[in-house]
Amino acid sequence: MTVSTTLKTATSPFLPPTDSRARVSEFMKTIQDEICQGLEQLDGSGKFKQDSWERSEGGGGRSRVMREGDVFEQGGVNFSQVWGESLPALILTKHPEAAGHDFYATGISIVLHPRNPYLPTVHLNYRYFEAGPIWWFGGGIDLTPYYPFAEDATHFHNTLKAACDKHHPGYYPAFKLWCDEYFYLPHRQETRGVGGIFFDYQNGKGPLYRDQNVKGKAAAYSNEIGKPEDRSWESVFAFVQDCGRAFLPAYVPIIEKRRSTPYGERERNFQLYRRGRYVEFNLVYDRGTTFGLQTNGRTESILMSLPPLVRWEYCFEPEANSPEAELYSKFLKPQDWAN
């Protein structure tokens, strides 16, 4: 599989370098290797099975899925890259400035569904898009517990904050608020979990918040701190690399601490019910799912984020003063976990 290349000359640090596509692709594949190795070591018995695939219009990927491990009931760590002469019409409607250029997109996507209800589901996605002089990085990471622990949410957020703070003091506050808004189910009026960070359209220029909810808290914070100094392509890429390498330190200690917690049928049924929310979000709102399907990506790889088992229950209400009720009353509402 050969990375698409386009003849270009980087005349400014704010334009992609001539080898941008190859460098980002190599990083995405490297971080896939590192994370898979760490997760196999963590699980103890589960191994990732790799499927390599090619896209007829240009590109392909490596899908790695673990099933029936000691910790992970199912999980995937996928790398993909696609390129072509023109973008789908729906994408051009949102980004008309990309018209007339060939495009390139690459990324890594992770979703892990542990079997034990006391272990949280986790999601990560980092991606890069380029069309001529137009480029941006996007993505993020968020945690979805079923029986949550405040100290786990705090550890998760502080690890991400440390990675962000290396690059800009406004990154974590802005991207944490953006995550709370993005991983939100309007029809349920609840967040998907305890959040993390999320960002999109980061090209080193303009305000940190670059999305539609101009009246939300993320936009308000971004407006409050003002437009940062322009950041180069290299600077934004370095930030994304540190975010990707923060995954294992953020997630592994939580699994190690909770993996032996005993559970019964009640906890398992509640976990399967809450997994339904994950399905609802990924099929209705998730941008990665939408982009993958619109660009004719591999459907099995795109939908590997869905849990292997799930249930829905009509008008479910958690028992008062129960751990399940605490999830709804505290953990499905945005909190300042880092503090």
Foldseek 3Di string as FASTA:
>chain_A
DDFDADDDPPPDLLFAHRCNRVVVLVLQVVLLVVVQVLVCVLQVFWHWDWDWDADPQAWTWIKTKTDDTNWFNIKIKIKIKGKHADADPVVCVVVVVLPPFIKMKIKIWIWTHTQDLQAWIKIWMWMKMDTHRAIKIWIWIFIAHQLDDLVLLQLLQQLLQVLQVVQPNVQSVLFQQVQLVQQADVVVRFGLWAGHGTAIRPSQWDFRHDDDPCVGPSVVSSVVVDIDHGDGPVSVVSSVSSNSVSVCSSRSVSCVVCVPPDDDPVSSQSSQQSLVSVVVCLVPRDPQLVSCVSSVHDNCSSPSNRDPGHDHDPPDDDDPPDSSVCCVVPTRHHDPSND
